[in-house]
Amino acid sequence: MIAISLRPTGRKWGTVSFASTLHLCPVLDLLLADVPVRWQPDLRLGLQEALVNAAKHGNNLDPSKTVLVEFFVLDDQYWWVISDQGSGFSPSYVCTCDGDTSKRDINEIDECGRGLYILHQVFDQVHWNQQGTELRLCKQFRNRVRSPLAP
């Protein structure tokens, strides 16, 4: 089941919550509805990775636990805040990626760090809360230095 809450006058912010599942197409469609079309493939990949991590690793695919996504637009920045009901994790412990991932080939990264690598390639800001149960992702569209990953 998916629960949606949108601001009555538009989609500048809203929330989506769903039971832990890997059937994410409807959720991703909702979260990307207002994103510029040329950025949708990259952001779909990044958001899918983040939602899979929350449902699978955070909530252990327990259908009694939910994943909550708050999304909002501030000027030229799109934000997604993804929370799970798991016990949390330490990104520095799980991922051995150094800060400069721009020169690394995705095939050089072990499977456990591949998702974190993707998040850092797709989003301009990637932050976890101290407990490791909430992920904040930001994509800025104005004055973009990087082009989308997908052509």
C-alpha atoms as a PDB file:
ATOM      1  CA  MET A   1       0.000   0.000   0.000  1.00  0.00           C
ATOM      2  CA  ILE A   2       1.195   3.504  -0.874  1.00  0.00           C
ATOM      3  CA  ALA A   3       0.131   6.583   1.080  1.00  0.00           C
ATOM      4  CA  ILE A   4       0.575   9.989  -0.567  1.00  0.00           C
ATOM      5  CA  SER A   5       0.271  13.474   0.887  1.00  0.00           C
ATOM      6  CA  LEU A   6       0.671  16.496  -1.398  1.00  0.00           C
ATOM      7  CA  ARG A   7       0.319  20.169  -0.735  1.00  0.00           C
ATOM      8  CA  PRO A   8      -3.182  21.122  -1.966  1.00  0.00           C
ATOM      9  CA  THR A   9      -2.000  23.958  -4.221  1.00  0.00           C
ATOM     10  CA  GLY A  10       0.774  22.098  -6.021  1.00  0.00           C
ATOM     11  CA  ARG A  11       3.625  19.672  -5.761  1.00  0.00           C
ATOM     12  CA  LYS A  12       6.332  21.831  -4.194  1.00  0.00           C
ATOM     13  CA  TRP A  13       6.450  19.317  -1.343  1.00  0.00           C
ATOM     14  CA  GLY A  14       4.833  16.074  -0.319  1.00  0.00           C
ATOM     15  CA  THR A  15       5.307  12.691   1.294  1.00  0.00           C
ATOM     16  CA  VAL A  16       5.020   9.116   0.110  1.00  0.00           C
ATOM     17  CA  SER A  17       5.129   6.124   2.422  1.00  0.00           C
ATOM     18  CA  PHE A  18       4.954   2.474   1.494  1.00  0.00           C
ATOM     19  CA  ALA A  19       5.340  -0.959   3.045  1.00  0.00           C
ATOM     20  CA  SER A  20       8.795  -2.423   2.492  1.00  0.00           C
ATOM     21  CA  THR A  21       8.818  -3.853  -1.005  1.00  0.00           C
ATOM     22  CA  LEU A  22      10.999  -3.946  -4.080  1.00  0.00           C
ATOM     23  CA  HIS A  23       8.046  -3.135  -6.383  1.00  0.00           C
ATOM     24  CA  LEU A  24       9.036   0.500  -6.711  1.00  0.00           C
ATOM     25  CA  CYS A  25       7.836   1.639 -10.162  1.00  0.00           C
ATOM     26  CA  PRO A  26       4.715   3.498  -8.924  1.00  0.00           C
ATOM     27  CA  VAL A  27       6.688   5.163  -6.130  1.00  0.00           C
ATOM     28  CA  LEU A  28       9.475   6.233  -8.491  1.00  0.00           C
ATOM     29  CA  ASP A  29       6.927   7.582 -10.978  1.00  0.00           C
ATOM     30  CA  LEU A  30       5.412   9.756  -8.230  1.00  0.00           C
ATOM     31  CA  LEU A  31       8.768  11.010  -7.003  1.00  0.00           C
ATOM     32  CA  LEU A  32       9.959  11.923 -10.502  1.00  0.00           C
ATOM     33  CA  ALA A  33       6.740  13.445 -11.877  1.00  0.00           C
ATOM     34  CA  ASP A  34       7.987  17.046 -11.692  1.00  0.00           C
ATOM     35  CA  VAL A  35      11.659  16.429 -12.471  1.00  0.00           C
ATOM     36  CA  PRO A  36      12.957  17.713 -15.832  1.00  0.00           C
ATOM     37  CA  VAL A  37      12.729  14.872 -18.368  1.00  0.00           C
ATOM     38  CA  ARG A  38      16.423  14.870 -19.284  1.00  0.00           C
ATOM     39  CA  TRP A  39      17.360  14.121 -15.652  1.00  0.00           C
ATOM     40  CA  GLN A  40      14.745  11.435 -14.984  1.00  0.00           C
ATOM     41  CA  PRO A  41      16.833   8.367 -16.009  1.00  0.00           C
ATOM     42  CA  ASP A  42      19.729   9.312 -13.698  1.00  0.00           C
ATOM     43  CA  LEU A  43      17.473  10.214 -10.808  1.00  0.00           C
ATOM     44  CA  ARG A  44      15.372   7.077 -11.268  1.00  0.00           C
ATOM     45  CA  LEU A  45      18.541   4.994 -10.915  1.00  0.00           C
ATOM     46  CA  GLY A  46      19.680   6.911  -7.829  1.00  0.00           C
ATOM     47  CA  LEU A  47      16.291   6.951  -6.107  1.00  0.00           C
ATOM     48  CA  GLN A  48      15.733   3.280  -6.883  1.00  0.00           C
ATOM     49  CA  GLU A  49      19.055   2.445  -5.248  1.00  0.00           C
ATOM     50  CA  ALA A  50      18.187   4.517  -2.165  1.00  0.00           C
ATOM     51  CA  LEU A  51      14.677   3.024  -1.851  1.00  0.00           C
ATOM     52  CA  VAL A  52      15.937  -0.547  -2.312  1.00  0.00           C
ATOM     53  CA  ASN A  53      18.526   0.061   0.409  1.00  0.00           C
ATOM     54  CA  ALA A  54      15.857   1.411   2.780  1.00  0.00           C
ATOM     55  CA  ALA A  55      13.387  -1.430   2.142  1.00  0.00           C
ATOM     56  CA  LYS A  56      15.869  -4.306   1.850  1.00  0.00           C
ATOM     57  CA  HIS A  57      18.767  -3.421   4.132  1.00  0.00           C
ATOM     58  CA  GLY A  58      17.011  -1.013   6.510  1.00  0.00           C
ATOM     59  CA  ASN A  59      13.661  -2.739   6.975  1.00  0.00           C
ATOM     60  CA  ASN A  60      14.750  -6.273   5.941  1.00  0.00           C
ATOM     61  CA  LEU A  61      11.749  -6.345   3.548  1.00  0.00           C
ATOM     62  CA  ASP A  62       9.463  -6.591   6.587  1.00  0.00           C
ATOM     63  CA  PRO A  63       6.007  -5.637   5.222  1.00  0.00           C
ATOM     64  CA  SER A  64       4.984  -4.301   8.646  1.00  0.00           C
ATOM     65  CA  LYS A  65       7.698  -1.627   8.368  1.00  0.00           C
ATOM     66  CA  THR A  66       7.422   1.382   6.083  1.00  0.00           C
ATOM     67  CA  VAL A  67       9.726   3.569   4.059  1.00  0.00           C
ATOM     68  CA  LEU A  68       8.875   7.265   4.185  1.00  0.00           C
ATOM     69  CA  VAL A  69       9.958   9.703   1.475  1.00  0.00           C
ATOM     70  CA  GLU A  70       9.542  13.436   1.886  1.00  0.00           C
ATOM     71  CA  PHE A  71      10.223  15.451  -1.253  1.00  0.00           C
ATOM     72  CA  PHE A  72      10.327  19.147  -1.913  1.00  0.00           C
ATOM     73  CA  VAL A  73      11.618  21.767  -4.312  1.00  0.00           C
ATOM     74  CA  LEU A  74      13.566  24.829  -3.158  1.00  0.00           C
ATOM     75  CA  ASP A  75      14.395  27.184  -6.017  1.00  0.00           C
ATOM     76  CA  ASP A  76      16.484  25.016  -8.351  1.00  0.00           C
ATOM     77  CA  GLN A  77      17.090  22.189  -5.856  1.00  0.00           C
ATOM     78  CA  TYR A  78      15.072  18.988  -5.670  1.00  0.00           C
ATOM     79  CA  TRP A  79      15.296  17.195  -2.305  1.00  0.00           C
ATOM     80  CA  TRP A  80      14.295  13.686  -1.226  1.00  0.00           C
ATOM     81  CA  VAL A  81      14.512  12.584   2.413  1.00  0.00           C
ATOM     82  CA  ILE A  82      14.215   8.804   2.736  1.00  0.00           C
ATOM     83  CA  SER A  83      13.647   7.222   6.154  1.00  0.00           C
ATOM     84  CA  ASP A  84      13.395   3.576   7.145  1.00  0.00           C
ATOM     85  CA  GLN A  85      12.534   1.829  10.407  1.00  0.00           C
ATOM     86  CA  GLY A  86      15.695  -0.256  10.572  1.00  0.00           C
ATOM     87  CA  SER A  87      18.475  -0.231  13.130  1.00  0.00           C
ATOM     88  CA  GLY A  88      20.655   2.045  10.980  1.00  0.00           C
ATOM     89  CA  PHE A  89      24.161   1.758   9.636  1.00  0.00           C
ATOM     90  CA  SER A  90      27.370   3.730   9.375  1.00  0.00           C
ATOM     91  CA  PRO A  91      28.094   4.685   5.758  1.00  0.00           C
ATOM     92  CA  SER A  92      31.797   5.173   6.515  1.00  0.00           C
ATOM     93  CA  TYR A  93      31.956   1.622   7.857  1.00  0.00           C
ATOM     94  CA  VAL A  94      29.985  -0.001   5.033  1.00  0.00           C
ATOM     95  CA  CYS A  95      31.555   1.834   2.120  1.00  0.00           C
ATOM     96  CA  THR A  96      35.279   2.120   1.675  1.00  0.00           C
ATOM     97  CA  CYS A  97      34.897   4.708  -1.107  1.00  0.00           C
ATOM     98  CA  ASP A  98      37.232   7.634  -0.681  1.00  0.00           C
ATOM     99  CA  GLY A  99      35.831  11.096  -1.237  1.00  0.00           C
ATOM    100  CA  ASP A 100      36.953  11.345  -4.867  1.00  0.00           C
ATOM    101  CA  THR A 101      34.878   8.805  -6.766  1.00  0.00           C
ATOM    102  CA  SER A 102      34.959  10.740 -10.048  1.00  0.00           C
ATOM    103  CA  LYS A 103      38.040   8.913 -11.322  1.00  0.00           C
ATOM    104  CA  ARG A 104      36.963   5.432 -10.276  1.00  0.00           C
ATOM    105  CA  ASP A 105      35.411   2.880 -12.560  1.00  0.00           C
ATOM    106  CA  ILE A 106      32.188   1.359 -11.218  1.00  0.00           C
ATOM    107  CA  ASN A 107      33.593  -2.119 -11.965  1.00  0.00           C
ATOM    108  CA  GLU A 108      36.407  -1.500  -9.459  1.00  0.00           C
ATOM    109  CA  ILE A 109      33.975  -1.080  -6.552  1.00  0.00           C
ATOM    110  CA  ASP A 110      32.815  -4.071  -4.546  1.00  0.00           C
ATOM    111  CA  GLU A 111      29.115  -4.941  -4.719  1.00  0.00           C
ATOM    112  CA  CYS A 112      28.347  -3.546  -1.275  1.00  0.00           C
ATOM    113  CA  GLY A 113      29.723  -0.131  -2.185  1.00  0.00           C
ATOM    114  CA  ARG A 114      28.259   0.107  -5.685  1.00  0.00           C
ATOM    115  CA  GLY A 115      24.963   1.618  -4.528  1.00  0.00           C
ATOM    116  CA  LEU A 116      26.728   4.294  -2.487  1.00  0.00           C
ATOM    117  CA  TYR A 117      28.946   5.060  -5.465  1.00  0.00           C
ATOM    118  CA  ILE A 118      25.849   5.489  -7.666  1.00  0.00           C
ATOM    119  CA  LEU A 119      24.252   7.860  -5.144  1.00  0.00           C
ATOM    120  CA  HIS A 120      27.346  10.056  -5.110  1.00  0.00           C
ATOM    121  CA  GLN A 121      27.482  10.109  -8.916  1.00  0.00           C
ATOM    122  CA  VAL A 122      23.796  10.984  -9.400  1.00  0.00           C
ATOM    123  CA  PHE A 123      23.131  13.471  -6.574  1.00  0.00           C
ATOM    124  CA  ASP A 124      24.891  16.703  -5.678  1.00  0.00           C
ATOM    125  CA  GLN A 125      24.409  16.140  -1.943  1.00  0.00           C
ATOM    126  CA  VAL A 126      24.182  12.818  -0.089  1.00  0.00           C
ATOM    127  CA  HIS A 127      23.843  12.898   3.711  1.00  0.00           C
ATOM    128  CA  TRP A 128      22.803  10.356   6.349  1.00  0.00           C
ATOM    129  CA  ASN A 129      21.575  11.203   9.814  1.00  0.00           C
ATOM    130  CA  GLN A 130      23.689  10.095  12.775  1.00  0.00           C
ATOM    131  CA  GLN A 131      21.622   6.926  13.303  1.00  0.00           C
ATOM    132  CA  GLY A 132      21.914   5.878   9.636  1.00  0.00           C
ATOM    133  CA  THR A 133      18.136   5.598   9.198  1.00  0.00           C
ATOM    134  CA  GLU A 134      17.547   8.750   7.148  1.00  0.00           C
ATOM    135  CA  LEU A 135      19.126   9.715   3.840  1.00  0.00           C
ATOM    136  CA  ARG A 136      18.943  13.226   2.371  1.00  0.00           C
ATOM    137  CA  LEU A 137      19.496  13.528  -1.366  1.00  0.00           C
ATOM    138  CA  CYS A 138      19.675  16.748  -3.373  1.00  0.00           C
ATOM    139  CA  LYS A 139      19.881  17.449  -7.088  1.00  0.00           C
ATOM    140  CA  GLN A 140      20.514  20.989  -8.265  1.00  0.00           C
ATOM    141  CA  PHE A 141      19.446  21.905 -11.795  1.00  0.00           C
ATOM    142  CA  ARG A 142      20.466  25.523 -12.371  1.00  0.00           C
ATOM    143  CA  ASN A 143      24.086  26.181 -13.377  1.00  0.00           C
ATOM    144  CA  ARG A 144      24.805  22.473 -13.782  1.00  0.00           C
ATOM    145  CA  VAL A 145      28.435  21.644 -14.315  1.00  0.00           C
ATOM    146  CA  ARG A 146      27.783  17.953 -14.938  1.00  0.00           C
ATOM    147  CA  SER A 147      25.502  16.637 -17.660  1.00  0.00           C
ATOM    148  CA  PRO A 148      23.185  13.694 -17.011  1.00  0.00           C
ATOM    149  CA  LEU A 149      24.918  10.314 -16.929  1.00  0.00           C
ATOM    150  CA  ALA A 150      22.433   8.820 -19.403  1.00  0.00           C
ATOM    151  CA  PRO A 151      22.448  10.326 -22.915  1.00  0.00           C
END
